[in-house]
């Protein structure tokens, strides 16, 4: 078992998505959310992805930090 802190690449792997840096950047760019949409409510997640995100947010641990970073990235356009 590894004690490494989760990273964005790990999050994308857990979500079953391409975890290359280029794929992550493209995903973030093409899936921007409006200011009123919570990350777990975005319509592009599958139900299992949505549940994973909700679980990690509620855990308030290291995974929650990574999910929050993704959340901020997905809302970049709404704060410009």
PDB file of N, CA and C in Angstrom:
ATOM      1  N   UNK A   1       0.838  -1.176   0.000  1.00  0.00           N
ATOM      2  CA  UNK A   1       0.000   0.000   0.000  1.00  0.00           C
ATOM      3  C   UNK A   1       0.884   1.240   0.000  1.00  0.00           C
ATOM      4  N   UNK A   2       0.510   2.206  -0.802  1.00  0.00           N
ATOM      5  CA  UNK A   2       1.294   3.423  -0.896  1.00  0.00           C
ATOM      6  C   UNK A   2       0.701   4.522  -0.024  1.00  0.00           C
ATOM      7  N   UNK A   3       1.561   5.314   0.545  1.00  0.00           N
ATOM      8  CA  UNK A   3       1.120   6.433   1.368  1.00  0.00           C
ATOM      9  C   UNK A   3       1.233   7.755   0.622  1.00  0.00           C
ATOM     10  N   UNK A   4       1.431   7.687  -0.676  1.00  0.00           N
ATOM     11  CA  UNK A   4       1.566   8.895  -1.473  1.00  0.00           C
ATOM     12  C   UNK A   4       0.259   9.678  -1.449  1.00  0.00           C
ATOM     13  N   UNK A   5       0.408  10.984  -1.431  1.00  0.00           N
ATOM     14  CA  UNK A   5      -0.777  11.842  -1.471  1.00  0.00           C
ATOM     15  C   UNK A   5      -1.415  11.753  -2.849  1.00  0.00           C
ATOM     16  N   UNK A   6      -2.731  11.771  -2.895  1.00  0.00           N
ATOM     17  CA  UNK A   6      -3.392  11.735  -4.200  1.00  0.00           C
ATOM     18  C   UNK A   6      -3.090  13.002  -4.994  1.00  0.00           C
ATOM     19  N   UNK A   7      -3.034  12.827  -6.291  1.00  0.00           N
ATOM     20  CA  UNK A   7      -2.794  13.934  -7.214  1.00  0.00           C
ATOM     21  C   UNK A   7      -3.931  13.961  -8.224  1.00  0.00           C
ATOM     22  N   UNK A   8      -3.951  14.998  -9.044  1.00  0.00           N
ATOM     23  CA  UNK A   8      -4.993  15.118 -10.054  1.00  0.00           C
ATOM     24  C   UNK A   8      -4.982  13.905 -10.979  1.00  0.00           C
ATOM     25  N   UNK A   9      -3.798  13.401 -11.318  1.00  0.00           N
ATOM     26  CA  UNK A   9      -3.736  12.224 -12.182  1.00  0.00           C
ATOM     27  C   UNK A   9      -4.396  11.025 -11.503  1.00  0.00           C
ATOM     28  N   UNK A  10      -4.205  10.883 -10.195  1.00  0.00           N
ATOM     29  CA  UNK A  10      -4.848   9.788  -9.461  1.00  0.00           C
ATOM     30  C   UNK A  10      -6.362   9.932  -9.475  1.00  0.00           C
ATOM     31  N   UNK A  11      -6.838  11.162  -9.326  1.00  0.00           N
ATOM     32  CA  UNK A  11      -8.277  11.409  -9.345  1.00  0.00           C
ATOM     33  C   UNK A  11      -8.865  11.007 -10.692  1.00  0.00           C
ATOM     34  N   UNK A  12      -8.219  11.406 -11.771  1.00  0.00           N
ATOM     35  CA  UNK A  12      -8.720  11.056 -13.098  1.00  0.00           C
ATOM     36  C   UNK A  12      -8.692   9.544 -13.315  1.00  0.00           C
ATOM     37  N   UNK A  13      -7.663   8.882 -12.810  1.00  0.00           N
ATOM     38  CA  UNK A  13      -7.619   7.415 -12.897  1.00  0.00           C
ATOM     39  C   UNK A  13      -8.790   6.802 -12.139  1.00  0.00           C
ATOM     40  N   UNK A  14      -9.064   7.295 -10.939  1.00  0.00           N
ATOM     41  CA  UNK A  14     -10.169   6.765 -10.138  1.00  0.00           C
ATOM     42  C   UNK A  14     -11.520   7.004 -10.811  1.00  0.00           C
ATOM     43  N   UNK A  15     -11.609   8.085 -11.565  1.00  0.00           N
ATOM     44  CA  UNK A  15     -12.846   8.397 -12.285  1.00  0.00           C
ATOM     45  C   UNK A  15     -12.947   7.641 -13.611  1.00  0.00           C
ATOM     46  N   UNK A  16     -11.904   6.881 -13.944  1.00  0.00           N
ATOM     47  CA  UNK A  16     -11.908   6.113 -15.189  1.00  0.00           C
ATOM     48  C   UNK A  16     -11.647   6.966 -16.414  1.00  0.00           C
ATOM     49  N   UNK A  17     -10.974   8.092 -16.219  1.00  0.00           N
ATOM     50  CA  UNK A  17     -10.689   9.014 -17.309  1.00  0.00           C
ATOM     51  C   UNK A  17      -9.207   8.978 -17.656  1.00  0.00           C
ATOM     52  N   UNK A  18      -8.884   9.435 -18.853  1.00  0.00           N
ATOM     53  CA  UNK A  18      -7.489   9.544 -19.277  1.00  0.00           C
ATOM     54  C   UNK A  18      -6.775  10.475 -18.297  1.00  0.00           C
ATOM     55  N   UNK A  19      -5.662  10.016 -17.748  1.00  0.00           N
ATOM     56  CA  UNK A  19      -4.980  10.784 -16.706  1.00  0.00           C
ATOM     57  C   UNK A  19      -3.688  11.447 -17.180  1.00  0.00           C
ATOM     58  N   UNK A  20      -3.497  11.520 -18.488  1.00  0.00           N
ATOM     59  CA  UNK A  20      -2.314  12.235 -18.986  1.00  0.00           C
ATOM     60  C   UNK A  20      -2.520  13.732 -18.747  1.00  0.00           C
ATOM     61  N   UNK A  21      -1.429  14.461 -18.625  1.00  0.00           N
ATOM     62  CA  UNK A  21      -1.534  15.901 -18.376  1.00  0.00           C
ATOM     63  C   UNK A  21      -2.317  16.600 -19.480  1.00  0.00           C
ATOM     64  N   UNK A  22      -2.082  16.193 -20.719  1.00  0.00           N
ATOM     65  CA  UNK A  22      -2.790  16.800 -21.847  1.00  0.00           C
ATOM     66  C   UNK A  22      -4.290  16.509 -21.766  1.00  0.00           C
ATOM     67  N   UNK A  23      -4.653  15.282 -21.442  1.00  0.00           N
ATOM     68  CA  UNK A  23      -6.069  14.914 -21.355  1.00  0.00           C
ATOM     69  C   UNK A  23      -6.758  15.651 -20.210  1.00  0.00           C
ATOM     70  N   UNK A  24      -6.066  15.797 -19.095  1.00  0.00           N
ATOM     71  CA  UNK A  24      -6.639  16.519 -17.957  1.00  0.00           C
ATOM     72  C   UNK A  24      -6.885  17.976 -18.342  1.00  0.00           C
ATOM     73  N   UNK A  25      -5.906  18.603 -18.977  1.00  0.00           N
ATOM     74  CA  UNK A  25      -6.053  19.999 -19.403  1.00  0.00           C
ATOM     75  C   UNK A  25      -7.209  20.151 -20.384  1.00  0.00           C
ATOM     76  N   UNK A  26      -7.323  19.208 -21.320  1.00  0.00           N
ATOM     77  CA  UNK A  26      -8.412  19.271 -22.299  1.00  0.00           C
ATOM     78  C   UNK A  26      -9.767  19.073 -21.619  1.00  0.00           C
ATOM     79  N   UNK A  27      -9.846  18.126 -20.683  1.00  0.00           N
ATOM     80  CA  UNK A  27     -11.096  17.885 -19.963  1.00  0.00           C
ATOM     81  C   UNK A  27     -11.535  19.159 -19.245  1.00  0.00           C
ATOM     82  N   UNK A  28     -10.611  19.780 -18.537  1.00  0.00           N
ATOM     83  CA  UNK A  28     -10.937  20.993 -17.785  1.00  0.00           C
ATOM     84  C   UNK A  28     -11.387  22.103 -18.725  1.00  0.00           C
ATOM     85  N   UNK A  29     -10.692  22.261 -19.822  1.00  0.00           N
ATOM     86  CA  UNK A  29     -11.035  23.306 -20.784  1.00  0.00           C
ATOM     87  C   UNK A  29     -12.406  23.083 -21.412  1.00  0.00           C
ATOM     88  N   UNK A  30     -12.743  21.845 -21.693  1.00  0.00           N
ATOM     89  CA  UNK A  30     -13.989  21.556 -22.417  1.00  0.00           C
ATOM     90  C   UNK A  30     -15.178  21.245 -21.509  1.00  0.00           C
ATOM     91  N   UNK A  31     -14.981  21.272 -20.192  1.00  0.00           N
ATOM     92  CA  UNK A  31     -16.070  20.964 -19.265  1.00  0.00           C
ATOM     93  C   UNK A  31     -16.265  22.061 -18.218  1.00  0.00           C
ATOM     94  N   UNK A  32     -16.101  23.309 -18.628  1.00  0.00           N
ATOM     95  CA  UNK A  32     -16.266  24.414 -17.691  1.00  0.00           C
ATOM     96  C   UNK A  32     -17.712  24.487 -17.187  1.00  0.00           C
ATOM     97  N   UNK A  33     -17.844  24.797 -15.908  1.00  0.00           N
ATOM     98  CA  UNK A  33     -19.151  24.872 -15.260  1.00  0.00           C
ATOM     99  C   UNK A  33     -19.513  26.319 -14.959  1.00  0.00           C
ATOM    100  N   UNK A  34     -20.817  26.611 -14.944  1.00  0.00           N
ATOM    101  CA  UNK A  34     -21.219  27.948 -14.529  1.00  0.00           C
ATOM    102  C   UNK A  34     -21.115  28.041 -13.005  1.00  0.00           C
ATOM    103  N   UNK A  35     -21.153  29.242 -12.504  1.00  0.00           N
ATOM    104  CA  UNK A  35     -20.905  29.487 -11.084  1.00  0.00           C
ATOM    105  C   UNK A  35     -21.895  28.774 -10.172  1.00  0.00           C
ATOM    106  N   UNK A  36     -23.094  28.503 -10.656  1.00  0.00           N
ATOM    107  CA  UNK A  36     -24.133  27.891  -9.818  1.00  0.00           C
ATOM    108  C   UNK A  36     -24.120  26.367  -9.825  1.00  0.00           C
ATOM    109  N   UNK A  37     -23.266  25.748 -10.613  1.00  0.00           N
ATOM    110  CA  UNK A  37     -23.247  24.285 -10.720  1.00  0.00           C
ATOM    111  C   UNK A  37     -22.155  23.704  -9.837  1.00  0.00           C
ATOM    112  N   UNK A  38     -22.574  22.873  -8.894  1.00  0.00           N
ATOM    113  CA  UNK A  38     -21.605  22.175  -8.047  1.00  0.00           C
ATOM    114  C   UNK A  38     -20.953  21.063  -8.858  1.00  0.00           C
ATOM    115  N   UNK A  39     -19.710  20.749  -8.530  1.00  0.00           N
ATOM    116  CA  UNK A  39     -18.963  19.754  -9.302  1.00  0.00           C
ATOM    117  C   UNK A  39     -19.712  18.428  -9.396  1.00  0.00           C
ATOM    118  N   UNK A  40     -20.289  17.960  -8.309  1.00  0.00           N
ATOM    119  CA  UNK A  40     -20.968  16.662  -8.318  1.00  0.00           C
ATOM    120  C   UNK A  40     -22.286  16.703  -9.088  1.00  0.00           C
ATOM    121  N   UNK A  41     -22.799  17.905  -9.355  1.00  0.00           N
ATOM    122  CA  UNK A  41     -24.059  18.042 -10.090  1.00  0.00           C
ATOM    123  C   UNK A  41     -23.865  18.216 -11.591  1.00  0.00           C
ATOM    124  N   UNK A  42     -22.625  18.255 -12.035  1.00  0.00           N
ATOM    125  CA  UNK A  42     -22.366  18.425 -13.468  1.00  0.00           C
ATOM    126  C   UNK A  42     -22.952  17.250 -14.242  1.00  0.00           C
ATOM    127  N   UNK A  43     -23.526  17.554 -15.402  1.00  0.00           N
ATOM    128  CA  UNK A  43     -24.235  16.521 -16.162  1.00  0.00           C
ATOM    129  C   UNK A  43     -23.322  15.576 -16.932  1.00  0.00           C
ATOM    130  N   UNK A  44     -22.025  15.804 -16.915  1.00  0.00           N
ATOM    131  CA  UNK A  44     -21.124  14.939 -17.680  1.00  0.00           C
ATOM    132  C   UNK A  44     -20.600  13.747 -16.886  1.00  0.00           C
ATOM    133  N   UNK A  45     -20.884  13.664 -15.595  1.00  0.00           N
ATOM    134  CA  UNK A  45     -20.431  12.512 -14.794  1.00  0.00           C
ATOM    135  C   UNK A  45     -21.396  11.345 -14.920  1.00  0.00           C
ATOM    136  N   UNK A  46     -20.861  10.142 -14.824  1.00  0.00           N
ATOM    137  CA  UNK A  46     -21.719   8.969 -14.667  1.00  0.00           C
ATOM    138  C   UNK A  46     -22.160   8.937 -13.208  1.00  0.00           C
ATOM    139  N   UNK A  47     -23.117   8.116 -12.893  1.00  0.00           N
ATOM    140  CA  UNK A  47     -23.582   8.027 -11.507  1.00  0.00           C
ATOM    141  C   UNK A  47     -22.462   7.558 -10.578  1.00  0.00           C
ATOM    142  N   UNK A  48     -21.657   6.608 -11.015  1.00  0.00           N
ATOM    143  CA  UNK A  48     -20.573   6.126 -10.152  1.00  0.00           C
ATOM    144  C   UNK A  48     -19.500   7.202  -9.961  1.00  0.00           C
ATOM    145  N   UNK A  49     -19.212   7.975 -10.995  1.00  0.00           N
ATOM    146  CA  UNK A  49     -18.263   9.079 -10.845  1.00  0.00           C
ATOM    147  C   UNK A  49     -18.809  10.122  -9.870  1.00  0.00           C
ATOM    148  N   UNK A  50     -20.091  10.428 -10.008  1.00  0.00           N
ATOM    149  CA  UNK A  50     -20.748  11.400  -9.130  1.00  0.00           C
ATOM    150  C   UNK A  50     -20.669  10.943  -7.672  1.00  0.00           C
ATOM    151  N   UNK A  51     -20.963   9.676  -7.427  1.00  0.00           N
ATOM    152  CA  UNK A  51     -20.916   9.143  -6.065  1.00  0.00           C
ATOM    153  C   UNK A  51     -19.498   9.174  -5.509  1.00  0.00           C
ATOM    154  N   UNK A  52     -18.520   8.872  -6.336  1.00  0.00           N
ATOM    155  CA  UNK A  52     -17.122   8.926  -5.909  1.00  0.00           C
ATOM    156  C   UNK A  52     -16.763  10.343  -5.473  1.00  0.00           C
ATOM    157  N   UNK A  53     -17.132  11.334  -6.277  1.00  0.00           N
ATOM    158  CA  UNK A  53     -16.823  12.724  -5.947  1.00  0.00           C
ATOM    159  C   UNK A  53     -17.502  13.149  -4.650  1.00  0.00           C
ATOM    160  N   UNK A  54     -18.770  12.801  -4.495  1.00  0.00           N
ATOM    161  CA  UNK A  54     -19.505  13.149  -3.275  1.00  0.00           C
ATOM    162  C   UNK A  54     -18.844  12.523  -2.058  1.00  0.00           C
ATOM    163  N   UNK A  55     -18.490  11.257  -2.172  1.00  0.00           N
ATOM    164  CA  UNK A  55     -17.839  10.541  -1.066  1.00  0.00           C
ATOM    165  C   UNK A  55     -16.522  11.205  -0.683  1.00  0.00           C
ATOM    166  N   UNK A  56     -15.731  11.577  -1.664  1.00  0.00           N
ATOM    167  CA  UNK A  56     -14.428  12.183  -1.383  1.00  0.00           C
ATOM    168  C   UNK A  56     -14.573  13.584  -0.807  1.00  0.00           C
ATOM    169  N   UNK A  57     -15.557  14.341  -1.269  1.00  0.00           N
ATOM    170  CA  UNK A  57     -15.801  15.675  -0.711  1.00  0.00           C
ATOM    171  C   UNK A  57     -16.202  15.552   0.757  1.00  0.00           C
ATOM    172  N   UNK A  58     -17.096  14.622   1.053  1.00  0.00           N
ATOM    173  CA  UNK A  58     -17.563  14.436   2.434  1.00  0.00           C
ATOM    174  C   UNK A  58     -16.469  13.919   3.353  1.00  0.00           C
ATOM    175  N   UNK A  59     -15.493  13.208   2.803  1.00  0.00           N
ATOM    176  CA  UNK A  59     -14.423  12.642   3.628  1.00  0.00           C
ATOM    177  C   UNK A  59     -13.545  13.726   4.237  1.00  0.00           C
ATOM    178  N   UNK A  60     -13.504  14.883   3.602  1.00  0.00           N
ATOM    179  CA  UNK A  60     -12.726  16.025   4.076  1.00  0.00           C
ATOM    180  C   UNK A  60     -11.264  15.666   4.314  1.00  0.00           C
ATOM    181  N   UNK A  61     -10.757  14.712   3.542  1.00  0.00           N
ATOM    182  CA  UNK A  61      -9.360  14.303   3.659  1.00  0.00           C
ATOM    183  C   UNK A  61      -8.556  14.794   2.477  1.00  0.00           C
ATOM    184  N   UNK A  62      -7.461  14.090   2.205  1.00  0.00           N
ATOM    185  CA  UNK A  62      -6.582  14.497   1.105  1.00  0.00           C
ATOM    186  C   UNK A  62      -7.274  14.434  -0.251  1.00  0.00           C
ATOM    187  N   UNK A  63      -8.178  13.459  -0.430  1.00  0.00           N
ATOM    188  CA  UNK A  63      -8.910  13.379  -1.698  1.00  0.00           C
ATOM    189  C   UNK A  63      -9.810  14.598  -1.867  1.00  0.00           C
ATOM    190  N   UNK A  64     -10.382  15.085  -0.775  1.00  0.00           N
ATOM    191  CA  UNK A  64     -11.261  16.256  -0.858  1.00  0.00           C
ATOM    192  C   UNK A  64     -10.503  17.462  -1.401  1.00  0.00           C
ATOM    193  N   UNK A  65      -9.239  17.576  -1.046  1.00  0.00           N
ATOM    194  CA  UNK A  65      -8.416  18.683  -1.527  1.00  0.00           C
ATOM    195  C   UNK A  65      -8.256  18.603  -3.044  1.00  0.00           C
ATOM    196  N   UNK A  66      -8.013  17.408  -3.548  1.00  0.00           N
ATOM    197  CA  UNK A  66      -7.838  17.222  -4.996  1.00  0.00           C
ATOM    198  C   UNK A  66      -9.151  17.477  -5.734  1.00  0.00           C
ATOM    199  N   UNK A  67     -10.260  16.984  -5.186  1.00  0.00           N
ATOM    200  CA  UNK A  67     -11.566  17.233  -5.807  1.00  0.00           C
ATOM    201  C   UNK A  67     -11.847  18.733  -5.823  1.00  0.00           C
ATOM    202  N   UNK A  68     -11.496  19.428  -4.746  1.00  0.00           N
ATOM    203  CA  UNK A  68     -11.698  20.871  -4.696  1.00  0.00           C
ATOM    204  C   UNK A  68     -10.841  21.585  -5.739  1.00  0.00           C
ATOM    205  N   UNK A  69      -9.627  21.104  -5.953  1.00  0.00           N
ATOM    206  CA  UNK A  69      -8.778  21.695  -6.993  1.00  0.00           C
ATOM    207  C   UNK A  69      -9.409  21.524  -8.369  1.00  0.00           C
ATOM    208  N   UNK A  70      -9.967  20.336  -8.619  1.00  0.00           N
ATOM    209  CA  UNK A  70     -10.657  20.113  -9.889  1.00  0.00           C
ATOM    210  C   UNK A  70     -11.874  21.026  -9.981  1.00  0.00           C
ATOM    211  N   UNK A  71     -12.614  21.148  -8.895  1.00  0.00           N
ATOM    212  CA  UNK A  71     -13.780  22.023  -8.855  1.00  0.00           C
ATOM    213  C   UNK A  71     -13.395  23.456  -9.226  1.00  0.00           C
ATOM    214  N   UNK A  72     -12.342  23.961  -8.629  1.00  0.00           N
ATOM    215  CA  UNK A  72     -11.890  25.320  -8.937  1.00  0.00           C
ATOM    216  C   UNK A  72     -11.490  25.442 -10.405  1.00  0.00           C
ATOM    217  N   UNK A  73     -10.819  24.439 -10.927  1.00  0.00           N
ATOM    218  CA  UNK A  73     -10.404  24.466 -12.331  1.00  0.00           C
ATOM    219  C   UNK A  73     -11.605  24.448 -13.271  1.00  0.00           C
ATOM    220  N   UNK A  74     -12.631  23.689 -12.911  1.00  0.00           N
ATOM    221  CA  UNK A  74     -13.824  23.599 -13.754  1.00  0.00           C
ATOM    222  C   UNK A  74     -14.682  24.864 -13.681  1.00  0.00           C
ATOM    223  N   UNK A  75     -14.415  25.717 -12.722  1.00  0.00           N
ATOM    224  CA  UNK A  75     -15.157  26.975 -12.577  1.00  0.00           C
ATOM    225  C   UNK A  75     -14.332  28.200 -12.983  1.00  0.00           C
ATOM    226  N   UNK A  76     -13.165  27.989 -13.579  1.00  0.00           N
ATOM    227  CA  UNK A  76     -12.302  29.121 -13.944  1.00  0.00           C
ATOM    228  C   UNK A  76     -13.013  30.146 -14.817  1.00  0.00           C
ATOM    229  N   UNK A  77     -13.750  29.695 -15.818  1.00  0.00           N
ATOM    230  CA  UNK A  77     -14.415  30.626 -16.732  1.00  0.00           C
ATOM    231  C   UNK A  77     -15.516  31.422 -16.048  1.00  0.00           C
ATOM    232  N   UNK A  78     -16.109  30.876 -15.005  1.00  0.00           N
ATOM    233  CA  UNK A  78     -17.226  31.560 -14.352  1.00  0.00           C
ATOM    234  C   UNK A  78     -16.767  32.682 -13.429  1.00  0.00           C
ATOM    235  N   UNK A  79     -15.471  32.762 -13.159  1.00  0.00           N
ATOM    236  CA  UNK A  79     -14.972  33.820 -12.276  1.00  0.00           C
ATOM    237  C   UNK A  79     -14.134  34.857 -13.020  1.00  0.00           C
ATOM    238  N   UNK A  80     -14.084  34.759 -14.319  1.00  0.00           N
ATOM    239  CA  UNK A  80     -13.306  35.728 -15.121  1.00  0.00           C
ATOM    240  C   UNK A  80     -14.073  37.011 -15.297  1.00  0.00           C
TER     241      UNK A  80
END
